[in-house]
Amino acid sequence: MSNLNPTYFINQELRDLLIQKLGSLQKENVVLQQSLREQQTKKTAGTEDLFLELLEVADALEALLDYLQNNPNPTPEFIERLHRKFISVLGKPQLIPIELGSK
């Protein structure tokens, strides 16, 4: 039978170079894995923040509906306060309102 596991010989210089390259690749792999974990953590935190902000919007809408049930003619102050609340919530993720021209 023939030998199924051939043996290769390399000189010391090539062996040292391969060991150095392997070490560099292992270090790079560790850095990339750490970077990936950090990105995943940031993404998860961003998603959680978005849901909390949407919850604030939902709460404000619920408050508006409750208010309108008891006060069919809301005061301009209430509307202005509600508007400021929405702008505040939307401003957290650096959203800016679009100013529409008058009709």
PDB file of N, CA and C in Angstrom:
ATOM      1  N   MET A   1       0.822  -1.196   0.000  1.00  0.00           N
ATOM      2  CA  MET A   1       0.000   0.000   0.000  1.00  0.00           C
ATOM      3  C   MET A   1       0.858   1.249   0.000  1.00  0.00           C
ATOM      4  N   SER A   2       0.270   2.307  -0.545  1.00  0.00           N
ATOM      5  CA  SER A   2       1.013   3.567  -0.572  1.00  0.00           C
ATOM      6  C   SER A   2       0.730   4.355   0.704  1.00  0.00           C
ATOM      7  N   ASN A   3       1.630   5.254   1.006  1.00  0.00           N
ATOM      8  CA  ASN A   3       1.499   6.093   2.199  1.00  0.00           C
ATOM      9  C   ASN A   3       0.430   7.163   1.943  1.00  0.00           C
ATOM     10  N   LEU A   4      -0.676   7.177   2.735  1.00  0.00           N
ATOM     11  CA  LEU A   4      -1.775   8.113   2.531  1.00  0.00           C
ATOM     12  C   LEU A   4      -1.501   9.487   3.136  1.00  0.00           C
ATOM     13  N   ASN A   5      -0.571   9.564   4.033  1.00  0.00           N
ATOM     14  CA  ASN A   5      -0.202  10.832   4.672  1.00  0.00           C
ATOM     15  C   ASN A   5       1.230  11.166   4.311  1.00  0.00           C
ATOM     16  N   PRO A   6       1.394  11.878   3.187  1.00  0.00           N
ATOM     17  CA  PRO A   6       2.776  12.195   2.819  1.00  0.00           C
ATOM     18  C   PRO A   6       3.389  13.185   3.811  1.00  0.00           C
ATOM     19  N   THR A   7       4.672  13.122   3.972  1.00  0.00           N
ATOM     20  CA  THR A   7       5.397  13.998   4.876  1.00  0.00           C
ATOM     21  C   THR A   7       6.144  15.042   4.058  1.00  0.00           C
ATOM     22  N   TYR A   8       5.980  16.311   4.463  1.00  0.00           N
ATOM     23  CA  TYR A   8       6.668  17.392   3.776  1.00  0.00           C
ATOM     24  C   TYR A   8       7.680  18.009   4.733  1.00  0.00           C
ATOM     25  N   PHE A   9       8.786  18.426   4.174  1.00  0.00           N
ATOM     26  CA  PHE A   9       9.824  19.047   4.970  1.00  0.00           C
ATOM     27  C   PHE A   9       9.987  20.492   4.505  1.00  0.00           C
ATOM     28  N   ILE A  10      10.091  21.409   5.491  1.00  0.00           N
ATOM     29  CA  ILE A  10      10.352  22.815   5.160  1.00  0.00           C
ATOM     30  C   ILE A  10      11.554  23.264   5.970  1.00  0.00           C
ATOM     31  N   ASN A  11      12.228  24.248   5.430  1.00  0.00           N
ATOM     32  CA  ASN A  11      13.407  24.724   6.143  1.00  0.00           C
ATOM     33  C   ASN A  11      12.971  25.622   7.317  1.00  0.00           C
ATOM     34  N   GLN A  12      13.901  25.896   8.193  1.00  0.00           N
ATOM     35  CA  GLN A  12      13.628  26.651   9.414  1.00  0.00           C
ATOM     36  C   GLN A  12      13.123  28.061   9.111  1.00  0.00           C
ATOM     37  N   GLU A  13      13.663  28.696   8.092  1.00  0.00           N
ATOM     38  CA  GLU A  13      13.261  30.069   7.741  1.00  0.00           C
ATOM     39  C   GLU A  13      11.787  30.107   7.321  1.00  0.00           C
ATOM     40  N   LEU A  14      11.381  29.161   6.470  1.00  0.00           N
ATOM     41  CA  LEU A  14       9.993  29.108   6.031  1.00  0.00           C
ATOM     42  C   LEU A  14       9.065  28.748   7.200  1.00  0.00           C
ATOM     43  N   ARG A  15       9.521  27.855   8.055  1.00  0.00           N
ATOM     44  CA  ARG A  15       8.744  27.460   9.246  1.00  0.00           C
ATOM     45  C   ARG A  15       8.516  28.669  10.149  1.00  0.00           C
ATOM     46  N   ASP A  16       9.543  29.444  10.394  1.00  0.00           N
ATOM     47  CA  ASP A  16       9.422  30.633  11.244  1.00  0.00           C
ATOM     48  C   ASP A  16       8.460  31.653  10.623  1.00  0.00           C
ATOM     49  N   LEU A  17       8.558  31.812   9.306  1.00  0.00           N
ATOM     50  CA  LEU A  17       7.673  32.738   8.604  1.00  0.00           C
ATOM     51  C   LEU A  17       6.222  32.281   8.728  1.00  0.00           C
ATOM     52  N   LEU A  18       5.974  30.992   8.553  1.00  0.00           N
ATOM     53  CA  LEU A  18       4.610  30.461   8.669  1.00  0.00           C
ATOM     54  C   LEU A  18       4.071  30.633  10.086  1.00  0.00           C
ATOM     55  N   ILE A  19       4.896  30.418  11.086  1.00  0.00           N
ATOM     56  CA  ILE A  19       4.473  30.596  12.478  1.00  0.00           C
ATOM     57  C   ILE A  19       4.143  32.066  12.736  1.00  0.00           C
ATOM     58  N   GLN A  20       4.948  32.973  12.209  1.00  0.00           N
ATOM     59  CA  GLN A  20       4.701  34.404  12.369  1.00  0.00           C
ATOM     60  C   GLN A  20       3.376  34.795  11.699  1.00  0.00           C
ATOM     61  N   LYS A  21       3.154  34.311  10.474  1.00  0.00           N
ATOM     62  CA  LYS A  21       1.923  34.617   9.738  1.00  0.00           C
ATOM     63  C   LYS A  21       0.705  34.056  10.480  1.00  0.00           C
ATOM     64  N   LEU A  22       0.828  32.853  10.989  1.00  0.00           N
ATOM     65  CA  LEU A  22      -0.271  32.233  11.726  1.00  0.00           C
ATOM     66  C   LEU A  22      -0.588  33.047  12.986  1.00  0.00           C
ATOM     67  N   GLY A  23       0.430  33.490  13.677  1.00  0.00           N
ATOM     68  CA  GLY A  23       0.225  34.322  14.871  1.00  0.00           C
ATOM     69  C   GLY A  23      -0.471  35.632  14.519  1.00  0.00           C
ATOM     70  N   SER A  24      -0.056  36.246  13.415  1.00  0.00           N
ATOM     71  CA  SER A  24      -0.691  37.496  12.976  1.00  0.00           C
ATOM     72  C   SER A  24      -2.153  37.267  12.624  1.00  0.00           C
ATOM     73  N   LEU A  25      -2.437  36.173  11.942  1.00  0.00           N
ATOM     74  CA  LEU A  25      -3.826  35.868  11.584  1.00  0.00           C
ATOM     75  C   LEU A  25      -4.680  35.594  12.819  1.00  0.00           C
ATOM     76  N   GLN A  26      -4.114  34.936  13.800  1.00  0.00           N
ATOM     77  CA  GLN A  26      -4.863  34.671  15.026  1.00  0.00           C
ATOM     78  C   GLN A  26      -5.166  35.973  15.770  1.00  0.00           C
ATOM     79  N   LYS A  27      -4.201  36.878  15.825  1.00  0.00           N
ATOM     80  CA  LYS A  27      -4.432  38.173  16.472  1.00  0.00           C
ATOM     81  C   LYS A  27      -5.501  38.962  15.730  1.00  0.00           C
ATOM     82  N   GLU A  28      -5.424  38.957  14.407  1.00  0.00           N
ATOM     83  CA  GLU A  28      -6.417  39.672  13.598  1.00  0.00           C
ATOM     84  C   GLU A  28      -7.808  39.076  13.810  1.00  0.00           C
ATOM     85  N   ASN A  29      -7.874  37.758  13.918  1.00  0.00           N
ATOM     86  CA  ASN A  29      -9.141  37.084  14.161  1.00  0.00           C
ATOM     87  C   ASN A  29      -9.743  37.529  15.497  1.00  0.00           C
ATOM     88  N   VAL A  30      -8.934  37.620  16.523  1.00  0.00           N
ATOM     89  CA  VAL A  30      -9.405  38.059  17.837  1.00  0.00           C
ATOM     90  C   VAL A  30      -9.930  39.496  17.764  1.00  0.00           C
ATOM     91  N   VAL A  31      -9.194  40.363  17.079  1.00  0.00           N
ATOM     92  CA  VAL A  31      -9.614  41.762  16.933  1.00  0.00           C
ATOM     93  C   VAL A  31     -10.934  41.847  16.176  1.00  0.00           C
ATOM     94  N   LEU A  32     -11.083  41.087  15.117  1.00  0.00           N
ATOM     95  CA  LEU A  32     -12.316  41.100  14.328  1.00  0.00           C
ATOM     96  C   LEU A  32     -13.501  40.561  15.126  1.00  0.00           C
ATOM     97  N   GLN A  33     -13.277  39.529  15.913  1.00  0.00           N
ATOM     98  CA  GLN A  33     -14.353  38.986  16.747  1.00  0.00           C
ATOM     99  C   GLN A  33     -14.794  40.008  17.800  1.00  0.00           C
ATOM    100  N   GLN A  34     -13.843  40.694  18.383  1.00  0.00           N
ATOM    101  CA  GLN A  34     -14.151  41.716  19.376  1.00  0.00           C
ATOM    102  C   GLN A  34     -14.929  42.867  18.724  1.00  0.00           C
ATOM    103  N   SER A  35     -14.519  43.264  17.553  1.00  0.00           N
ATOM    104  CA  SER A  35     -15.204  44.327  16.830  1.00  0.00           C
ATOM    105  C   SER A  35     -16.632  43.919  16.496  1.00  0.00           C
ATOM    106  N   LEU A  36     -16.821  42.687  16.076  1.00  0.00           N
ATOM    107  CA  LEU A  36     -18.152  42.185  15.772  1.00  0.00           C
ATOM    108  C   LEU A  36     -19.037  42.188  17.019  1.00  0.00           C
ATOM    109  N   ARG A  37     -18.500  41.756  18.148  1.00  0.00           N
ATOM    110  CA  ARG A  37     -19.272  41.773  19.404  1.00  0.00           C
ATOM    111  C   ARG A  37     -19.673  43.193  19.778  1.00  0.00           C
ATOM    112  N   GLU A  38     -18.752  44.150  19.622  1.00  0.00           N
ATOM    113  CA  GLU A  38     -19.059  45.542  19.938  1.00  0.00           C
ATOM    114  C   GLU A  38     -20.150  46.086  19.028  1.00  0.00           C
ATOM    115  N   GLN A  39     -20.077  45.758  17.738  1.00  0.00           N
ATOM    116  CA  GLN A  39     -21.101  46.216  16.793  1.00  0.00           C
ATOM    117  C   GLN A  39     -22.465  45.613  17.136  1.00  0.00           C
ATOM    118  N   GLN A  40     -22.479  44.342  17.498  1.00  0.00           N
ATOM    119  CA  GLN A  40     -23.742  43.699  17.865  1.00  0.00           C
ATOM    120  C   GLN A  40     -24.318  44.328  19.127  1.00  0.00           C
ATOM    121  N   THR A  41     -23.463  44.666  20.081  1.00  0.00           N
ATOM    122  CA  THR A  41     -23.920  45.305  21.308  1.00  0.00           C
ATOM    123  C   THR A  41     -24.516  46.677  21.002  1.00  0.00           C
ATOM    124  N   LYS A  42     -23.852  47.448  20.140  1.00  0.00           N
ATOM    125  CA  LYS A  42     -24.369  48.769  19.763  1.00  0.00           C
ATOM    126  C   LYS A  42     -25.698  48.649  19.035  1.00  0.00           C
ATOM    127  N   LYS A  43     -25.807  47.670  18.161  1.00  0.00           N
ATOM    128  CA  LYS A  43     -27.050  47.475  17.409  1.00  0.00           C
ATOM    129  C   LYS A  43     -28.189  47.124  18.360  1.00  0.00           C
ATOM    130  N   THR A  44     -27.926  46.238  19.294  1.00  0.00           N
ATOM    131  CA  THR A  44     -28.951  45.848  20.262  1.00  0.00           C
ATOM    132  C   THR A  44     -29.372  47.046  21.097  1.00  0.00           C
ATOM    133  N   ALA A  45     -28.408  47.828  21.559  1.00  0.00           N
ATOM    134  CA  ALA A  45     -28.721  49.016  22.357  1.00  0.00           C
ATOM    135  C   ALA A  45     -29.526  50.021  21.543  1.00  0.00           C
ATOM    136  N   GLY A  46     -29.174  50.195  20.277  1.00  0.00           N
ATOM    137  CA  GLY A  46     -29.901  51.115  19.412  1.00  0.00           C
ATOM    138  C   GLY A  46     -31.334  50.674  19.203  1.00  0.00           C
ATOM    139  N   THR A  47     -31.532  49.380  19.030  1.00  0.00           N
ATOM    140  CA  THR A  47     -32.883  48.844  18.855  1.00  0.00           C
ATOM    141  C   THR A  47     -33.706  49.059  20.120  1.00  0.00           C
ATOM    142  N   GLU A  48     -33.103  48.800  21.266  1.00  0.00           N
ATOM    143  CA  GLU A  48     -33.811  49.011  22.536  1.00  0.00           C
ATOM    144  C   GLU A  48     -34.184  50.485  22.706  1.00  0.00           C
ATOM    145  N   ASP A  49     -33.268  51.376  22.368  1.00  0.00           N
ATOM    146  CA  ASP A  49     -33.553  52.816  22.470  1.00  0.00           C
ATOM    147  C   ASP A  49     -34.708  53.207  21.560  1.00  0.00           C
ATOM    148  N   LEU A  50     -34.719  52.651  20.348  1.00  0.00           N
ATOM    149  CA  LEU A  50     -35.792  52.965  19.408  1.00  0.00           C
ATOM    150  C   LEU A  50     -37.143  52.515  19.967  1.00  0.00           C
ATOM    151  N   PHE A  51     -37.202  51.327  20.525  1.00  0.00           N
ATOM    152  CA  PHE A  51     -38.457  50.853  21.094  1.00  0.00           C
ATOM    153  C   PHE A  51     -38.910  51.719  22.266  1.00  0.00           C
ATOM    154  N   LEU A  52     -37.966  52.163  23.084  1.00  0.00           N
ATOM    155  CA  LEU A  52     -38.334  53.048  24.190  1.00  0.00           C
ATOM    156  C   LEU A  52     -38.881  54.374  23.680  1.00  0.00           C
ATOM    157  N   GLU A  53     -38.288  54.895  22.623  1.00  0.00           N
ATOM    158  CA  GLU A  53     -38.761  56.151  22.050  1.00  0.00           C
ATOM    159  C   GLU A  53     -40.141  55.976  21.419  1.00  0.00           C
ATOM    160  N   LEU A  54     -40.354  54.839  20.755  1.00  0.00           N
ATOM    161  CA  LEU A  54     -41.673  54.572  20.184  1.00  0.00           C
ATOM    162  C   LEU A  54     -42.717  54.406  21.278  1.00  0.00           C
ATOM    163  N   LEU A  55     -42.316  53.857  22.394  1.00  0.00           N
ATOM    164  CA  LEU A  55     -43.224  53.739  23.535  1.00  0.00           C
ATOM    165  C   LEU A  55     -43.633  55.126  24.037  1.00  0.00           C
ATOM    166  N   GLU A  56     -42.690  56.047  24.055  1.00  0.00           N
ATOM    167  CA  GLU A  56     -43.008  57.424  24.453  1.00  0.00           C
ATOM    168  C   GLU A  56     -44.021  58.038  23.492  1.00  0.00           C
ATOM    169  N   VAL A  57     -43.849  57.784  22.192  1.00  0.00           N
ATOM    170  CA  VAL A  57     -44.792  58.305  21.202  1.00  0.00           C
ATOM    171  C   VAL A  57     -46.169  57.681  21.429  1.00  0.00           C
ATOM    172  N   ALA A  58     -46.209  56.373  21.642  1.00  0.00           N
ATOM    173  CA  ALA A  58     -47.482  55.696  21.886  1.00  0.00           C
ATOM    174  C   ALA A  58     -48.157  56.246  23.145  1.00  0.00           C
ATOM    175  N   ASP A  59     -47.387  56.495  24.184  1.00  0.00           N
ATOM    176  CA  ASP A  59     -47.943  57.079  25.414  1.00  0.00           C
ATOM    177  C   ASP A  59     -48.522  58.463  25.145  1.00  0.00           C
ATOM    178  N   ALA A  60     -47.814  59.254  24.365  1.00  0.00           N
ATOM    179  CA  ALA A  60     -48.297  60.599  24.048  1.00  0.00           C
ATOM    180  C   ALA A  60     -49.577  60.540  23.226  1.00  0.00           C
ATOM    181  N   LEU A  61     -49.659  59.599  22.291  1.00  0.00           N
ATOM    182  CA  LEU A  61     -50.879  59.446  21.496  1.00  0.00           C
ATOM    183  C   LEU A  61     -52.043  58.982  22.366  1.00  0.00           C
ATOM    184  N   GLU A  62     -51.767  58.076  23.274  1.00  0.00           N
ATOM    185  CA  GLU A  62     -52.804  57.614  24.195  1.00  0.00           C
ATOM    186  C   GLU A  62     -53.295  58.767  25.068  1.00  0.00           C
ATOM    187  N   ALA A  63     -52.374  59.586  25.547  1.00  0.00           N
ATOM    188  CA  ALA A  63     -52.758  60.756  26.350  1.00  0.00           C
ATOM    189  C   ALA A  63     -53.605  61.708  25.513  1.00  0.00           C
ATOM    190  N   LEU A  64     -53.261  61.871  24.250  1.00  0.00           N
ATOM    191  CA  LEU A  64     -54.042  62.736  23.371  1.00  0.00           C
ATOM    192  C   LEU A  64     -55.458  62.206  23.215  1.00  0.00           C
ATOM    193  N   LEU A  65     -55.584  60.915  22.974  1.00  0.00           N
ATOM    194  CA  LEU A  65     -56.916  60.324  22.812  1.00  0.00           C
ATOM    195  C   LEU A  65     -57.746  60.476  24.086  1.00  0.00           C
ATOM    196  N   ASP A  66     -57.126  60.219  25.231  1.00  0.00           N
ATOM    197  CA  ASP A  66     -57.827  60.390  26.511  1.00  0.00           C
ATOM    198  C   ASP A  66     -58.273  61.836  26.689  1.00  0.00           C
ATOM    199  N   TYR A  67     -57.395  62.749  26.389  1.00  0.00           N
ATOM    200  CA  TYR A  67     -57.701  64.174  26.541  1.00  0.00           C
ATOM    201  C   TYR A  67     -58.849  64.573  25.620  1.00  0.00           C
ATOM    202  N   LEU A  68     -58.807  64.097  24.366  1.00  0.00           N
ATOM    203  CA  LEU A  68     -59.839  64.479  23.396  1.00  0.00           C
ATOM    204  C   LEU A  68     -61.201  63.877  23.749  1.00  0.00           C
ATOM    205  N   GLN A  69     -61.207  62.731  24.427  1.00  0.00           N
ATOM    206  CA  GLN A  69     -62.477  62.161  24.864  1.00  0.00           C
ATOM    207  C   GLN A  69     -63.144  63.051  25.913  1.00  0.00           C
ATOM    208  N   ASN A  70     -62.330  63.643  26.768  1.00  0.00           N
ATOM    209  CA  ASN A  70     -62.852  64.499  27.840  1.00  0.00           C
ATOM    210  C   ASN A  70     -62.963  65.961  27.425  1.00  0.00           C
ATOM    211  N   ASN A  71     -62.209  66.355  26.415  1.00  0.00           N
ATOM    212  CA  ASN A  71     -62.176  67.752  25.968  1.00  0.00           C
ATOM    213  C   ASN A  71     -62.211  67.788  24.446  1.00  0.00           C
ATOM    214  N   PRO A  72     -63.411  67.787  23.853  1.00  0.00           N
ATOM    215  CA  PRO A  72     -63.489  67.738  22.395  1.00  0.00           C
ATOM    216  C   PRO A  72     -62.851  68.945  21.701  1.00  0.00           C
ATOM    217  N   ASN A  73     -62.673  70.032  22.398  1.00  0.00           N
ATOM    218  CA  ASN A  73     -62.041  71.223  21.839  1.00  0.00           C
ATOM    219  C   ASN A  73     -60.763  71.520  22.616  1.00  0.00           C
ATOM    220  N   PRO A  74     -59.645  70.890  22.230  1.00  0.00           N
ATOM    221  CA  PRO A  74     -58.405  71.092  22.995  1.00  0.00           C
ATOM    222  C   PRO A  74     -57.917  72.535  22.888  1.00  0.00           C
ATOM    223  N   THR A  75     -57.265  72.968  23.937  1.00  0.00           N
ATOM    224  CA  THR A  75     -56.726  74.327  23.962  1.00  0.00           C
ATOM    225  C   THR A  75     -55.480  74.391  23.083  1.00  0.00           C
ATOM    226  N   PRO A  76     -55.187  75.575  22.555  1.00  0.00           N
ATOM    227  CA  PRO A  76     -53.951  75.717  21.773  1.00  0.00           C
ATOM    228  C   PRO A  76     -52.709  75.385  22.595  1.00  0.00           C
ATOM    229  N   GLU A  77     -52.763  75.649  23.903  1.00  0.00           N
ATOM    230  CA  GLU A  77     -51.611  75.335  24.759  1.00  0.00           C
ATOM    231  C   GLU A  77     -51.364  73.820  24.805  1.00  0.00           C
ATOM    232  N   PHE A  78     -52.454  73.058  24.888  1.00  0.00           N
ATOM    233  CA  PHE A  78     -52.305  71.602  24.922  1.00  0.00           C
ATOM    234  C   PHE A  78     -51.700  71.109  23.606  1.00  0.00           C
ATOM    235  N   ILE A  79     -52.209  71.611  22.500  1.00  0.00           N
ATOM    236  CA  ILE A  79     -51.680  71.198  21.186  1.00  0.00           C
ATOM    237  C   ILE A  79     -50.202  71.560  21.075  1.00  0.00           C
ATOM    238  N   GLU A  80     -49.841  72.746  21.533  1.00  0.00           N
ATOM    239  CA  GLU A  80     -48.434  73.173  21.482  1.00  0.00           C
ATOM    240  C   GLU A  80     -47.570  72.292  22.374  1.00  0.00           C
ATOM    241  N   ARG A  81     -48.051  71.946  23.558  1.00  0.00           N
ATOM    242  CA  ARG A  81     -47.305  71.081  24.476  1.00  0.00           C
ATOM    243  C   ARG A  81     -47.117  69.693  23.860  1.00  0.00           C
ATOM    244  N   LEU A  82     -48.172  69.177  23.229  1.00  0.00           N
ATOM    245  CA  LEU A  82     -48.095  67.875  22.569  1.00  0.00           C
ATOM    246  C   LEU A  82     -47.098  67.922  21.409  1.00  0.00           C
ATOM    247  N   HIS A  83     -47.145  68.986  20.649  1.00  0.00           N
ATOM    248  CA  HIS A  83     -46.202  69.166  19.531  1.00  0.00           C
ATOM    249  C   HIS A  83     -44.761  69.175  20.029  1.00  0.00           C
ATOM    250  N   ARG A  84     -44.503  69.903  21.103  1.00  0.00           N
ATOM    251  CA  ARG A  84     -43.143  69.946  21.669  1.00  0.00           C
ATOM    252  C   ARG A  84     -42.706  68.561  22.129  1.00  0.00           C
ATOM    253  N   LYS A  85     -43.656  67.789  22.700  1.00  0.00           N
ATOM    254  CA  LYS A  85     -43.337  66.435  23.167  1.00  0.00           C
ATOM    255  C   LYS A  85     -42.914  65.560  21.978  1.00  0.00           C
ATOM    256  N   PHE A  86     -43.673  65.617  20.882  1.00  0.00           N
ATOM    257  CA  PHE A  86     -43.318  64.825  19.711  1.00  0.00           C
ATOM    258  C   PHE A  86     -41.977  65.244  19.141  1.00  0.00           C
ATOM    259  N   ILE A  87     -41.742  66.522  19.053  1.00  0.00           N
ATOM    260  CA  ILE A  87     -40.463  67.009  18.529  1.00  0.00           C
ATOM    261  C   ILE A  87     -39.323  66.543  19.432  1.00  0.00           C
ATOM    262  N   SER A  88     -39.543  66.562  20.732  1.00  0.00           N
ATOM    263  CA  SER A  88     -38.528  66.101  21.679  1.00  0.00           C
ATOM    264  C   SER A  88     -38.209  64.620  21.465  1.00  0.00           C
ATOM    265  N   VAL A  89     -39.249  63.805  21.342  1.00  0.00           N
ATOM    266  CA  VAL A  89     -39.048  62.363  21.151  1.00  0.00           C
ATOM    267  C   VAL A  89     -38.359  62.098  19.819  1.00  0.00           C
ATOM    268  N   LEU A  90     -38.812  62.772  18.777  1.00  0.00           N
ATOM    269  CA  LEU A  90     -38.216  62.543  17.460  1.00  0.00           C
ATOM    270  C   LEU A  90     -36.807  63.120  17.361  1.00  0.00           C
ATOM    271  N   GLY A  91     -36.496  64.095  18.195  1.00  0.00           N
ATOM    272  CA  GLY A  91     -35.163  64.688  18.169  1.00  0.00           C
ATOM    273  C   GLY A  91     -34.094  63.809  18.776  1.00  0.00           C
ATOM    274  N   LYS A  92     -34.491  62.836  19.593  1.00  0.00           N
ATOM    275  CA  LYS A  92     -33.500  61.962  20.236  1.00  0.00           C
ATOM    276  C   LYS A  92     -32.664  61.197  19.224  1.00  0.00           C
ATOM    277  N   PRO A  93     -33.270  60.597  18.192  1.00  0.00           N
ATOM    278  CA  PRO A  93     -32.417  59.927  17.202  1.00  0.00           C
ATOM    279  C   PRO A  93     -31.926  60.877  16.109  1.00  0.00           C
ATOM    280  N   GLN A  94     -31.829  62.151  16.418  1.00  0.00           N
ATOM    281  CA  GLN A  94     -31.339  63.185  15.511  1.00  0.00           C
ATOM    282  C   GLN A  94     -32.223  63.346  14.270  1.00  0.00           C
ATOM    283  N   LEU A  95     -33.529  63.142  14.450  1.00  0.00           N
ATOM    284  CA  LEU A  95     -34.460  63.429  13.362  1.00  0.00           C
ATOM    285  C   LEU A  95     -34.821  64.899  13.435  1.00  0.00           C
ATOM    286  N   ILE A  96     -34.948  65.524  12.287  1.00  0.00           N
ATOM    287  CA  ILE A  96     -35.324  66.929  12.284  1.00  0.00           C
ATOM    288  C   ILE A  96     -36.647  67.069  11.544  1.00  0.00           C
ATOM    289  N   PRO A  97     -37.501  67.952  12.018  1.00  0.00           N
ATOM    290  CA  PRO A  97     -38.799  68.109  11.359  1.00  0.00           C
ATOM    291  C   PRO A  97     -38.642  68.765   9.999  1.00  0.00           C
ATOM    292  N   ILE A  98     -39.537  68.420   9.112  1.00  0.00           N
ATOM    293  CA  ILE A  98     -39.579  69.031   7.790  1.00  0.00           C
ATOM    294  C   ILE A  98     -40.603  70.158   7.850  1.00  0.00           C
ATOM    295  N   GLU A  99     -40.157  71.345   7.532  1.00  0.00           N
ATOM    296  CA  GLU A  99     -41.056  72.497   7.546  1.00  0.00           C
ATOM    297  C   GLU A  99     -41.819  72.532   6.240  1.00  0.00           C
ATOM    298  N   LEU A 100     -43.133  72.487   6.327  1.00  0.00           N
ATOM    299  CA  LEU A 100     -43.957  72.556   5.140  1.00  0.00           C
ATOM    300  C   LEU A 100     -44.399  74.005   4.928  1.00  0.00           C
ATOM    301  N   GLY A 101     -44.431  74.423   3.687  1.00  0.00           N
ATOM    302  CA  GLY A 101     -44.869  75.770   3.375  1.00  0.00           C
ATOM    303  C   GLY A 101     -46.368  75.911   3.607  1.00  0.00           C
ATOM    304  N   SER A 102     -46.833  77.118   3.838  1.00  0.00           N
ATOM    305  CA  SER A 102     -48.261  77.331   4.062  1.00  0.00           C
ATOM    306  C   SER A 102     -48.993  77.152   2.745  1.00  0.00           C
ATOM    307  N   LYS A 103     -50.258  76.737   2.857  1.00  0.00           N
ATOM    308  CA  LYS A 103     -51.076  76.467   1.662  1.00  0.00           C
ATOM    309  C   LYS A 103     -51.589  77.728   1.041  1.00  0.00           C
TER     310      LYS A 103
END
